[in-house]
Amino acid sequence: MQEVLALIEQKKQEYAQLSLFNFMQNKNINPRQRLVWAPCAAHFIMNFAELNKYFLRVEPTSDPIQALINAHTYEDDHHWLWFLEDLKSLELDKSLKFSDALKFLWSEETKSARWLNYQLYRYASQATPIQKIIVIQVTEATGNVMFSRAAEIGKEIKAISKKPCRYFACLHLDVEIGHMTGTPGIEEILQQIQLSEVVQQELFELVENLFTAFTQFTNDLLVYAETHQIEQRLKVA
């Protein structure tokens, strides 16, 4: 398992070099503009609780790894509420007809968020507890990169507008750090897991595929951010 965890760390460092994160750290750009892509992430964010509830969680269980996963899913299934609050703070809570909102959520501009969800569902469905751990580890690795940058923007926005963020904030970053990767003894537990060569190769492929989906999603967020101004209404076909 050590080799699989090392690959996740390597891919995390590569993921951190994506251009969106340079954009998010560019203080020459209005901080709200640096998060203008938030509506494009809605499909992914709003579905995350259901990934936890219906795909990662299995109850009851006698498997100690699954028990850790179950505890994690309860800690991680309410963050979408913070996201909705932040849409208001960022003044991205635009008024749309319900039909237009649906068109946006299923538009070309948001297809990578949907595809990411479908890939997570695909790999978590019928997965072994070890495979689910990898799904969680990759998701937390990418989330740590994203929220480390977003939390700094949240601070800037609060200083300017006096409106605190909760999803794009240190609060969320601190909670994410305290999840499975911060569970006492979890690293030792994972490091001690012995894998067959076949299973190890399957997990290597899982890590690569998940990071590919997260990378496409992240790159498309940048495309949206560079082509849409914060003042614009959401584009619907």
Foldseek 3Di string as FASTA:
>chain_A
DVVLLVVLVVLLVVLLPDVLLVLLPPPVDQLLLNCLLLLLLLLQLQCLLVCLVPQLADPPDPDPLNVLSNVLSVLPNPLVVLSVLVCVLSVVPDDDDPVQSVQLCPDPLNVLSVVLVVLSNVQRHVHDSVSSVLSLSNVLSNVLSVLVSLQVSQVVSCVVVVRGGCNSHVNVNVSSCCGQVVPPPNVVVVVPDDDDPVVVVVSNVSSVVSSVSVSVNSVSSVVCSVPDGSPDHRDGD
